[in-house]
Amino acid sequence: MRDRETPRAASIDISLKFGYTALVLLLVRSPNDVALVIMLQGLSSLLSLIINTWRALPHIEHLRITLGGSLSALKDGRSMFLFRAVSVLYTNANTALLRLFVPAATVAQYSTAERLTGISSSALWPIMQVFFPRLSYLVHHDFSAAQALFRKTFVIIVGVSTLAAIFGFFSAPIIIKFIFGDHHPL
């Protein structure tokens, strides 16, 4: 796929995630709407997959999928699977472990903050989806350009993260009240 296609794919994904978030904020009114949240999240991911796969098909040579090739790909990807599984475990197990040792109000405060920071950090993921493949390509073909791209992207990510942290610090009471309601322990 051409270099300019990757940002377009990420833009489609980001747009659908913003749409999902907007629909959740507009449509979800109670804890009983959990199925709606899951459906909207799945729908946004499915639409992103369908649209970007359809856009990528003209750029992909015909692939022949075989059992041996599939098993080989699974074997090659096992270290990444293990890394992601451990990441999910240690990031999601914090709240469950905390419940064993501290009062429920403390767990509620911690889990609220953890969810908000999780949302914030996942907002940077599309930047990484655009950045990493290009950086990987440049490392093998033009190392000085790779270094320049890394520095530029690093400055952008640190800048966006700093601005988001400042914004979050000052707007936290309003955001928490809006997202979690008036009766939240924070």
N, C-alpha and C. Protein backbone atom coordinates (compact mmCIF):
# COMPACT_ATOMS: atom_id res chain seq x y z
N MET A 1 0.84 -1.16 0.00
CA MET A 1 0.00 0.00 0.00
C MET A 1 0.89 1.24 0.00
N ARG A 2 0.51 2.24 -0.71
CA ARG A 2 1.31 3.45 -0.79
C ARG A 2 1.36 4.15 0.55
N ASP A 3 2.43 4.98 0.76
CA ASP A 3 2.65 5.63 2.04
C ASP A 3 1.48 6.51 2.46
N ARG A 4 0.82 7.18 1.54
CA ARG A 4 -0.26 8.08 1.92
C ARG A 4 -1.53 7.33 2.30
N GLU A 5 -1.60 6.05 2.03
CA GLU A 5 -2.79 5.27 2.37
C GLU A 5 -2.86 4.95 3.86
N THR A 6 -1.71 4.79 4.52
CA THR A 6 -1.71 4.44 5.93
C THR A 6 -2.39 5.52 6.79
N PRO A 7 -2.06 6.81 6.61
CA PRO A 7 -2.78 7.82 7.39
C PRO A 7 -4.28 7.83 7.10
N ARG A 8 -4.67 7.54 5.87
CA ARG A 8 -6.10 7.49 5.55
C ARG A 8 -6.77 6.35 6.30
N ALA A 9 -6.12 5.21 6.37
CA ALA A 9 -6.68 4.07 7.11
C ALA A 9 -6.82 4.42 8.58
N ALA A 10 -5.80 5.06 9.15
CA ALA A 10 -5.87 5.46 10.55
C ALA A 10 -6.95 6.51 10.76
N SER A 11 -7.12 7.41 9.79
CA SER A 11 -8.16 8.44 9.90
C SER A 11 -9.55 7.82 9.91
N ILE A 12 -9.74 6.80 9.09
CA ILE A 12 -11.03 6.10 9.08
C ILE A 12 -11.27 5.45 10.43
N ASP A 13 -10.25 4.80 10.96
CA ASP A 13 -10.37 4.15 12.26
C ASP A 13 -10.66 5.16 13.36
N ILE A 14 -9.94 6.27 13.37
CA ILE A 14 -10.14 7.30 14.38
C ILE A 14 -11.54 7.90 14.27
N SER A 15 -11.98 8.17 13.05
CA SER A 15 -13.31 8.75 12.84
C SER A 15 -14.40 7.83 13.37
N LEU A 16 -14.25 6.53 13.09
CA LEU A 16 -15.25 5.58 13.58
C LEU A 16 -15.22 5.46 15.10
N LYS A 17 -14.03 5.57 15.71
CA LYS A 17 -13.94 5.53 17.17
C LYS A 17 -14.59 6.77 17.78
N PHE A 18 -14.38 7.94 17.17
CA PHE A 18 -15.04 9.16 17.65
C PHE A 18 -16.56 9.02 17.50
N GLY A 19 -16.99 8.46 16.38
CA GLY A 19 -18.42 8.24 16.18
C GLY A 19 -18.99 7.31 17.24
N TYR A 20 -18.25 6.23 17.52
CA TYR A 20 -18.66 5.29 18.57
C TYR A 20 -18.79 6.01 19.91
N THR A 21 -17.77 6.80 20.26
CA THR A 21 -17.79 7.52 21.53
C THR A 21 -18.97 8.49 21.60
N ALA A 22 -19.21 9.22 20.51
CA ALA A 22 -20.33 10.16 20.48
C ALA A 22 -21.66 9.43 20.66
N LEU A 23 -21.82 8.30 19.97
CA LEU A 23 -23.07 7.54 20.10
C LEU A 23 -23.26 7.00 21.51
N VAL A 24 -22.17 6.57 22.14
CA VAL A 24 -22.27 6.09 23.52
C VAL A 24 -22.71 7.23 24.44
N LEU A 25 -22.10 8.40 24.27
CA LEU A 25 -22.48 9.53 25.11
C LEU A 25 -23.92 9.97 24.87
N LEU A 26 -24.40 9.83 23.63
CA LEU A 26 -25.77 10.24 23.31
C LEU A 26 -26.82 9.20 23.70
N LEU A 27 -26.51 7.93 23.53
CA LEU A 27 -27.53 6.89 23.65
C LEU A 27 -27.54 6.16 24.99
N VAL A 28 -26.41 6.06 25.65
CA VAL A 28 -26.34 5.28 26.88
C VAL A 28 -26.84 6.13 28.04
N ARG A 29 -27.84 5.60 28.74
CA ARG A 29 -28.47 6.34 29.84
C ARG A 29 -28.41 5.62 31.18
N SER A 30 -28.11 4.31 31.17
CA SER A 30 -28.09 3.59 32.44
C SER A 30 -27.14 2.38 32.31
N PRO A 31 -26.81 1.78 33.45
CA PRO A 31 -25.96 0.58 33.41
C PRO A 31 -26.60 -0.57 32.63
N ASN A 32 -27.90 -0.52 32.45
CA ASN A 32 -28.59 -1.57 31.69
C ASN A 32 -28.30 -1.50 30.19
N ASP A 33 -27.66 -0.41 29.74
CA ASP A 33 -27.36 -0.24 28.32
C ASP A 33 -26.01 -0.83 27.92
N VAL A 34 -25.48 -1.71 28.76
CA VAL A 34 -24.16 -2.28 28.49
C VAL A 34 -24.13 -3.02 27.15
N ALA A 35 -25.20 -3.69 26.79
CA ALA A 35 -25.24 -4.41 25.50
C ALA A 35 -25.13 -3.44 24.34
N LEU A 36 -25.73 -2.27 24.49
CA LEU A 36 -25.66 -1.25 23.45
C LEU A 36 -24.22 -0.76 23.27
N VAL A 37 -23.52 -0.57 24.37
CA VAL A 37 -22.12 -0.13 24.32
C VAL A 37 -21.28 -1.16 23.59
N ILE A 38 -21.45 -2.41 23.95
CA ILE A 38 -20.68 -3.49 23.31
C ILE A 38 -21.01 -3.58 21.83
N MET A 39 -22.29 -3.46 21.48
CA MET A 39 -22.70 -3.52 20.09
C MET A 39 -22.10 -2.36 19.29
N LEU A 40 -22.14 -1.15 19.85
CA LEU A 40 -21.59 0.02 19.14
C LEU A 40 -20.07 -0.11 18.96
N GLN A 41 -19.40 -0.60 19.99
CA GLN A 41 -17.95 -0.79 19.88
C GLN A 41 -17.62 -1.82 18.81
N GLY A 42 -18.33 -2.94 18.83
CA GLY A 42 -18.11 -3.97 17.82
C GLY A 42 -18.42 -3.47 16.43
N LEU A 43 -19.49 -2.70 16.29
CA LEU A 43 -19.88 -2.17 14.99
C LEU A 43 -18.83 -1.20 14.45
N SER A 44 -18.28 -0.34 15.31
CA SER A 44 -17.25 0.59 14.84
C SER A 44 -16.00 -0.16 14.40
N SER A 45 -15.61 -1.18 15.15
CA SER A 45 -14.43 -1.97 14.76
C SER A 45 -14.69 -2.75 13.48
N LEU A 46 -15.87 -3.32 13.36
CA LEU A 46 -16.22 -4.08 12.15
C LEU A 46 -16.24 -3.17 10.93
N LEU A 47 -16.84 -1.99 11.06
CA LEU A 47 -16.87 -1.05 9.93
C LEU A 47 -15.47 -0.63 9.52
N SER A 48 -14.61 -0.37 10.49
CA SER A 48 -13.22 -0.01 10.19
C SER A 48 -12.52 -1.14 9.44
N LEU A 49 -12.71 -2.36 9.92
CA LEU A 49 -12.11 -3.52 9.26
C LEU A 49 -12.61 -3.66 7.83
N ILE A 50 -13.92 -3.57 7.63
CA ILE A 50 -14.50 -3.75 6.29
C ILE A 50 -14.03 -2.66 5.34
N ILE A 51 -14.12 -1.40 5.78
CA ILE A 51 -13.74 -0.28 4.91
C ILE A 51 -12.26 -0.35 4.55
N ASN A 52 -11.39 -0.56 5.55
CA ASN A 52 -9.96 -0.57 5.27
C ASN A 52 -9.52 -1.81 4.50
N THR A 53 -10.17 -2.94 4.73
CA THR A 53 -9.86 -4.14 3.94
C THR A 53 -10.27 -3.92 2.49
N TRP A 54 -11.43 -3.37 2.28
CA TRP A 54 -11.91 -3.09 0.92
C TRP A 54 -10.96 -2.12 0.21
N ARG A 55 -10.47 -1.11 0.93
CA ARG A 55 -9.54 -0.15 0.33
C ARG A 55 -8.17 -0.78 0.05
N ALA A 56 -7.78 -1.77 0.85
CA ALA A 56 -6.46 -2.38 0.70
C ALA A 56 -6.41 -3.46 -0.37
N LEU A 57 -7.53 -4.08 -0.67
CA LEU A 57 -7.55 -5.22 -1.60
C LEU A 57 -6.88 -4.95 -2.95
N PRO A 58 -7.08 -3.79 -3.57
CA PRO A 58 -6.40 -3.56 -4.85
C PRO A 58 -4.88 -3.51 -4.75
N HIS A 59 -4.36 -3.30 -3.55
CA HIS A 59 -2.91 -3.17 -3.37
C HIS A 59 -2.24 -4.46 -2.90
N ILE A 60 -3.02 -5.51 -2.71
CA ILE A 60 -2.49 -6.76 -2.18
C ILE A 60 -2.48 -7.82 -3.28
N GLU A 61 -1.35 -8.48 -3.39
CA GLU A 61 -1.28 -9.59 -4.34
C GLU A 61 -2.16 -10.73 -3.83
N HIS A 62 -2.57 -11.58 -4.73
CA HIS A 62 -3.42 -12.71 -4.35
C HIS A 62 -2.70 -13.58 -3.32
N LEU A 63 -3.34 -13.79 -2.22
CA LEU A 63 -2.77 -14.61 -1.16
C LEU A 63 -3.44 -15.97 -1.13
N ARG A 64 -2.63 -16.97 -0.94
CA ARG A 64 -3.17 -18.32 -0.81
C ARG A 64 -3.01 -18.74 0.64
N ILE A 65 -4.12 -18.94 1.30
CA ILE A 65 -4.10 -19.30 2.72
C ILE A 65 -4.09 -20.82 2.84
N THR A 66 -3.08 -21.32 3.58
CA THR A 66 -2.97 -22.77 3.80
C THR A 66 -2.88 -23.03 5.31
N LEU A 67 -3.17 -24.24 5.69
CA LEU A 67 -3.07 -24.62 7.09
C LEU A 67 -1.63 -24.48 7.58
N GLY A 68 -0.68 -24.94 6.78
CA GLY A 68 0.73 -24.85 7.16
C GLY A 68 1.18 -23.40 7.31
N GLY A 69 0.77 -22.55 6.39
CA GLY A 69 1.11 -21.13 6.47
C GLY A 69 0.47 -20.47 7.68
N SER A 70 -0.76 -20.85 7.97
CA SER A 70 -1.46 -20.29 9.13
C SER A 70 -0.78 -20.72 10.42
N LEU A 71 -0.41 -21.98 10.53
CA LEU A 71 0.28 -22.47 11.73
C LEU A 71 1.64 -21.79 11.88
N SER A 72 2.32 -21.60 10.77
CA SER A 72 3.61 -20.92 10.81
C SER A 72 3.46 -19.47 11.28
N ALA A 73 2.42 -18.78 10.80
CA ALA A 73 2.17 -17.40 11.22
C ALA A 73 1.85 -17.35 12.70
N LEU A 74 1.06 -18.31 13.19
CA LEU A 74 0.75 -18.36 14.63
C LEU A 74 2.02 -18.60 15.45
N LYS A 75 2.88 -19.49 14.95
CA LYS A 75 4.13 -19.77 15.65
C LYS A 75 5.02 -18.53 15.67
N ASP A 76 5.11 -17.83 14.54
CA ASP A 76 5.94 -16.63 14.47
C ASP A 76 5.40 -15.51 15.36
N GLY A 77 4.08 -15.47 15.56
CA GLY A 77 3.47 -14.41 16.34
C GLY A 77 3.26 -14.72 17.80
N ARG A 78 3.73 -15.88 18.27
CA ARG A 78 3.46 -16.28 19.64
C ARG A 78 4.07 -15.34 20.67
N SER A 79 5.25 -14.78 20.39
CA SER A 79 5.85 -13.87 21.37
C SER A 79 5.04 -12.58 21.48
N MET A 80 4.51 -12.09 20.36
CA MET A 80 3.66 -10.90 20.42
C MET A 80 2.35 -11.19 21.14
N PHE A 81 1.80 -12.39 20.91
CA PHE A 81 0.58 -12.79 21.61
C PHE A 81 0.84 -12.83 23.12
N LEU A 82 1.95 -13.41 23.52
CA LEU A 82 2.28 -13.50 24.94
C LEU A 82 2.45 -12.10 25.53
N PHE A 83 3.14 -11.22 24.80
CA PHE A 83 3.33 -9.84 25.26
C PHE A 83 1.99 -9.15 25.47
N ARG A 84 1.09 -9.26 24.49
CA ARG A 84 -0.23 -8.61 24.60
C ARG A 84 -1.07 -9.23 25.72
N ALA A 85 -0.99 -10.54 25.87
CA ALA A 85 -1.76 -11.21 26.92
C ALA A 85 -1.30 -10.75 28.30
N VAL A 86 0.01 -10.67 28.51
CA VAL A 86 0.55 -10.21 29.80
C VAL A 86 0.19 -8.74 30.02
N SER A 87 0.26 -7.92 28.97
CA SER A 87 -0.11 -6.50 29.09
C SER A 87 -1.56 -6.36 29.53
N VAL A 88 -2.44 -7.08 28.89
CA VAL A 88 -3.86 -7.00 29.24
C VAL A 88 -4.06 -7.50 30.67
N LEU A 89 -3.38 -8.56 31.04
CA LEU A 89 -3.54 -9.11 32.38
C LEU A 89 -3.09 -8.12 33.45
N TYR A 90 -1.90 -7.55 33.31
CA TYR A 90 -1.44 -6.67 34.38
C TYR A 90 -2.17 -5.33 34.37
N THR A 91 -2.68 -4.87 33.24
CA THR A 91 -3.42 -3.61 33.26
C THR A 91 -4.85 -3.80 33.76
N ASN A 92 -5.44 -4.95 33.51
CA ASN A 92 -6.82 -5.18 33.94
C ASN A 92 -6.92 -5.83 35.32
N ALA A 93 -5.87 -6.44 35.79
CA ALA A 93 -5.92 -7.12 37.08
C ALA A 93 -5.74 -6.15 38.24
N ASN A 94 -5.26 -4.94 37.98
CA ASN A 94 -5.02 -3.98 39.07
C ASN A 94 -6.25 -3.75 39.92
N THR A 95 -7.37 -3.45 39.28
CA THR A 95 -8.59 -3.15 40.03
C THR A 95 -9.07 -4.36 40.81
N ALA A 96 -9.01 -5.54 40.20
CA ALA A 96 -9.45 -6.75 40.89
C ALA A 96 -8.58 -7.02 42.13
N LEU A 97 -7.28 -6.86 41.99
CA LEU A 97 -6.38 -7.07 43.14
C LEU A 97 -6.59 -6.01 44.21
N LEU A 98 -6.82 -4.78 43.77
CA LEU A 98 -7.04 -3.70 44.72
C LEU A 98 -8.27 -3.95 45.59
N ARG A 99 -9.28 -4.58 45.02
CA ARG A 99 -10.52 -4.88 45.77
C ARG A 99 -10.26 -5.79 46.97
N LEU A 100 -9.19 -6.55 46.92
CA LEU A 100 -8.88 -7.46 48.02
C LEU A 100 -8.30 -6.73 49.24
N PHE A 101 -7.76 -5.52 49.03
CA PHE A 101 -6.98 -4.88 50.09
C PHE A 101 -7.50 -3.53 50.58
N VAL A 102 -8.36 -2.86 49.81
CA VAL A 102 -8.79 -1.51 50.20
C VAL A 102 -10.32 -1.38 50.12
N PRO A 103 -10.86 -0.35 50.73
CA PRO A 103 -12.32 -0.15 50.70
C PRO A 103 -12.84 0.12 49.27
N ALA A 104 -14.13 -0.13 49.09
CA ALA A 104 -14.76 0.01 47.78
C ALA A 104 -14.66 1.43 47.22
N ALA A 105 -14.75 2.45 48.09
CA ALA A 105 -14.66 3.84 47.63
C ALA A 105 -13.30 4.13 47.00
N THR A 106 -12.24 3.58 47.59
CA THR A 106 -10.90 3.76 47.05
C THR A 106 -10.77 3.07 45.71
N VAL A 107 -11.33 1.87 45.60
CA VAL A 107 -11.30 1.14 44.33
C VAL A 107 -12.05 1.94 43.26
N ALA A 108 -13.19 2.53 43.63
CA ALA A 108 -13.98 3.32 42.67
C ALA A 108 -13.17 4.51 42.18
N GLN A 109 -12.47 5.19 43.09
CA GLN A 109 -11.65 6.33 42.68
C GLN A 109 -10.52 5.89 41.75
N TYR A 110 -9.85 4.82 42.13
CA TYR A 110 -8.74 4.32 41.32
C TYR A 110 -9.23 3.87 39.94
N SER A 111 -10.30 3.09 39.91
CA SER A 111 -10.75 2.55 38.62
C SER A 111 -11.27 3.65 37.70
N THR A 112 -11.85 4.70 38.27
CA THR A 112 -12.29 5.84 37.46
C THR A 112 -11.08 6.50 36.80
N ALA A 113 -10.08 6.78 37.59
CA ALA A 113 -8.87 7.39 37.05
C ALA A 113 -8.20 6.48 36.03
N GLU A 114 -8.18 5.18 36.34
CA GLU A 114 -7.55 4.23 35.41
C GLU A 114 -8.30 4.18 34.09
N ARG A 115 -9.63 4.20 34.12
CA ARG A 115 -10.41 4.19 32.88
C ARG A 115 -10.16 5.45 32.06
N LEU A 116 -10.11 6.60 32.73
CA LEU A 116 -9.88 7.86 32.00
C LEU A 116 -8.48 7.89 31.39
N THR A 117 -7.48 7.43 32.12
CA THR A 117 -6.13 7.42 31.55
C THR A 117 -6.03 6.39 30.44
N GLY A 118 -6.76 5.29 30.57
CA GLY A 118 -6.78 4.29 29.49
C GLY A 118 -7.36 4.85 28.21
N ILE A 119 -8.44 5.63 28.34
CA ILE A 119 -9.03 6.27 27.17
C ILE A 119 -8.04 7.23 26.55
N SER A 120 -7.36 8.01 27.39
CA SER A 120 -6.39 8.99 26.89
C SER A 120 -5.23 8.32 26.17
N SER A 121 -4.71 7.26 26.77
CA SER A 121 -3.56 6.61 26.13
C SER A 121 -3.96 5.88 24.85
N SER A 122 -5.19 5.36 24.80
CA SER A 122 -5.61 4.68 23.58
C SER A 122 -5.84 5.67 22.44
N ALA A 123 -6.01 6.94 22.77
CA ALA A 123 -6.17 7.96 21.72
C ALA A 123 -4.87 8.12 20.93
N LEU A 124 -3.73 7.78 21.54
CA LEU A 124 -2.45 7.88 20.83
C LEU A 124 -2.17 6.67 19.95
N TRP A 125 -2.92 5.60 20.12
CA TRP A 125 -2.67 4.37 19.37
C TRP A 125 -2.73 4.57 17.86
N PRO A 126 -3.70 5.32 17.33
CA PRO A 126 -3.71 5.52 15.87
C PRO A 126 -2.45 6.21 15.35
N ILE A 127 -1.88 7.11 16.16
CA ILE A 127 -0.62 7.75 15.75
C ILE A 127 0.46 6.68 15.62
N MET A 128 0.48 5.76 16.57
CA MET A 128 1.48 4.69 16.51
C MET A 128 1.23 3.76 15.32
N GLN A 129 -0.04 3.53 14.98
CA GLN A 129 -0.34 2.68 13.83
C GLN A 129 0.17 3.30 12.53
N VAL A 130 0.19 4.61 12.46
CA VAL A 130 0.72 5.29 11.28
C VAL A 130 2.24 5.35 11.35
N PHE A 131 2.76 5.64 12.52
CA PHE A 131 4.18 5.86 12.71
C PHE A 131 5.03 4.60 12.58
N PHE A 132 4.64 3.51 13.23
CA PHE A 132 5.50 2.33 13.30
C PHE A 132 5.82 1.70 11.95
N PRO A 133 4.84 1.45 11.08
CA PRO A 133 5.20 0.83 9.79
C PRO A 133 6.15 1.69 8.97
N ARG A 134 5.94 3.00 9.00
CA ARG A 134 6.81 3.90 8.25
C ARG A 134 8.22 3.88 8.84
N LEU A 135 8.31 3.93 10.16
CA LEU A 135 9.61 3.89 10.82
C LEU A 135 10.32 2.58 10.52
N SER A 136 9.59 1.48 10.58
CA SER A 136 10.18 0.18 10.28
C SER A 136 10.76 0.14 8.87
N TYR A 137 10.01 0.67 7.93
CA TYR A 137 10.48 0.72 6.54
C TYR A 137 11.75 1.58 6.44
N LEU A 138 11.72 2.75 7.06
CA LEU A 138 12.86 3.67 6.95
C LEU A 138 14.11 3.13 7.65
N VAL A 139 13.95 2.39 8.73
CA VAL A 139 15.12 1.82 9.41
C VAL A 139 15.93 0.95 8.46
N HIS A 140 15.23 0.24 7.58
CA HIS A 140 15.91 -0.65 6.64
C HIS A 140 16.38 0.04 5.36
N HIS A 141 15.78 1.19 5.03
CA HIS A 141 16.09 1.82 3.74
C HIS A 141 16.78 3.18 3.85
N ASP A 142 16.54 3.92 4.91
CA ASP A 142 17.13 5.25 5.08
C ASP A 142 17.17 5.57 6.57
N PHE A 143 18.25 5.12 7.22
CA PHE A 143 18.32 5.20 8.68
C PHE A 143 18.29 6.63 9.17
N SER A 144 18.93 7.57 8.49
CA SER A 144 18.90 8.96 8.95
C SER A 144 17.48 9.54 8.86
N ALA A 145 16.73 9.16 7.84
CA ALA A 145 15.33 9.59 7.75
C ALA A 145 14.51 8.96 8.87
N ALA A 146 14.84 7.72 9.24
CA ALA A 146 14.15 7.04 10.35
C ALA A 146 14.40 7.79 11.66
N GLN A 147 15.65 8.21 11.87
CA GLN A 147 15.97 8.96 13.08
C GLN A 147 15.21 10.29 13.12
N ALA A 148 15.16 10.96 11.98
CA ALA A 148 14.45 12.25 11.92
C ALA A 148 12.95 12.05 12.18
N LEU A 149 12.38 11.01 11.58
CA LEU A 149 10.96 10.72 11.80
C LEU A 149 10.69 10.38 13.26
N PHE A 150 11.59 9.61 13.86
CA PHE A 150 11.42 9.25 15.27
C PHE A 150 11.43 10.50 16.15
N ARG A 151 12.41 11.38 15.93
CA ARG A 151 12.49 12.62 16.72
C ARG A 151 11.22 13.46 16.55
N LYS A 152 10.78 13.62 15.32
CA LYS A 152 9.59 14.42 15.03
C LYS A 152 8.35 13.82 15.71
N THR A 153 8.18 12.52 15.56
CA THR A 153 7.02 11.86 16.16
C THR A 153 7.09 11.88 17.67
N PHE A 154 8.28 11.72 18.22
CA PHE A 154 8.46 11.77 19.66
C PHE A 154 8.03 13.13 20.21
N VAL A 155 8.44 14.20 19.55
CA VAL A 155 8.06 15.55 19.97
C VAL A 155 6.54 15.72 19.89
N ILE A 156 5.93 15.21 18.82
CA ILE A 156 4.48 15.32 18.67
C ILE A 156 3.76 14.56 19.78
N ILE A 157 4.19 13.32 20.04
CA ILE A 157 3.53 12.51 21.07
C ILE A 157 3.70 13.13 22.46
N VAL A 158 4.90 13.60 22.78
CA VAL A 158 5.13 14.24 24.08
C VAL A 158 4.32 15.52 24.18
N GLY A 159 4.27 16.30 23.10
CA GLY A 159 3.49 17.54 23.10
C GLY A 159 2.00 17.28 23.30
N VAL A 160 1.46 16.34 22.53
CA VAL A 160 0.03 16.01 22.66
C VAL A 160 -0.26 15.44 24.04
N SER A 161 0.61 14.60 24.54
CA SER A 161 0.41 14.01 25.87
C SER A 161 0.46 15.08 26.96
N THR A 162 1.38 16.02 26.85
CA THR A 162 1.49 17.10 27.83
C THR A 162 0.24 17.98 27.81
N LEU A 163 -0.20 18.35 26.61
CA LEU A 163 -1.42 19.16 26.50
C LEU A 163 -2.64 18.41 27.05
N ALA A 164 -2.72 17.11 26.76
CA ALA A 164 -3.83 16.31 27.26
C ALA A 164 -3.79 16.21 28.78
N ALA A 165 -2.60 16.07 29.35
CA ALA A 165 -2.47 15.99 30.81
C ALA A 165 -2.88 17.31 31.46
N ILE A 166 -2.46 18.42 30.89
CA ILE A 166 -2.83 19.73 31.43
C ILE A 166 -4.35 19.92 31.32
N PHE A 167 -4.90 19.61 30.16
CA PHE A 167 -6.34 19.72 29.96
C PHE A 167 -7.09 18.82 30.95
N GLY A 168 -6.62 17.59 31.09
CA GLY A 168 -7.26 16.64 32.01
C GLY A 168 -7.20 17.10 33.45
N PHE A 169 -6.08 17.68 33.84
CA PHE A 169 -5.92 18.15 35.22
C PHE A 169 -6.95 19.23 35.54
N PHE A 170 -7.09 20.20 34.65
CA PHE A 170 -7.98 21.32 34.92
C PHE A 170 -9.45 21.01 34.66
N SER A 171 -9.73 20.08 33.77
CA SER A 171 -11.13 19.79 33.44
C SER A 171 -11.64 18.51 34.10
N ALA A 172 -10.84 17.87 34.92
CA ALA A 172 -11.23 16.59 35.54
C ALA A 172 -12.57 16.65 36.28
N PRO A 173 -12.82 17.66 37.11
CA PRO A 173 -14.11 17.65 37.82
C PRO A 173 -15.31 17.68 36.85
N ILE A 174 -15.20 18.44 35.79
CA ILE A 174 -16.30 18.53 34.83
C ILE A 174 -16.44 17.22 34.05
N ILE A 175 -15.32 16.68 33.60
CA ILE A 175 -15.34 15.44 32.81
C ILE A 175 -15.87 14.27 33.65
N ILE A 176 -15.41 14.16 34.87
CA ILE A 176 -15.86 13.06 35.74
C ILE A 176 -17.35 13.17 36.01
N LYS A 177 -17.82 14.38 36.28
CA LYS A 177 -19.25 14.57 36.52
C LYS A 177 -20.05 14.22 35.26
N PHE A 178 -19.56 14.63 34.09
CA PHE A 178 -20.27 14.37 32.84
C PHE A 178 -20.30 12.88 32.50
N ILE A 179 -19.17 12.21 32.64
CA ILE A 179 -19.09 10.80 32.23
C ILE A 179 -19.64 9.87 33.30
N PHE A 180 -19.31 10.11 34.57
CA PHE A 180 -19.66 9.16 35.62
C PHE A 180 -20.84 9.59 36.49
N GLY A 181 -21.33 10.81 36.29
CA GLY A 181 -22.52 11.25 37.03
C GLY A 181 -22.22 12.00 38.30
N ASP A 182 -23.27 12.57 38.88
CA ASP A 182 -23.14 13.41 40.08
C ASP A 182 -22.76 12.63 41.34
N HIS A 183 -23.12 11.36 41.39
CA HIS A 183 -22.97 10.59 42.63
C HIS A 183 -21.68 9.78 42.68
N HIS A 184 -20.74 10.11 41.81
CA HIS A 184 -19.46 9.38 41.82
C HIS A 184 -18.65 9.83 43.01
N PRO A 185 -17.88 8.93 43.65
CA PRO A 185 -17.15 9.28 44.89
C PRO A 185 -16.03 10.30 44.69
N LEU A 186 -15.67 10.63 43.49
CA LEU A 186 -14.61 11.63 43.33
C LEU A 186 -15.21 12.95 43.58
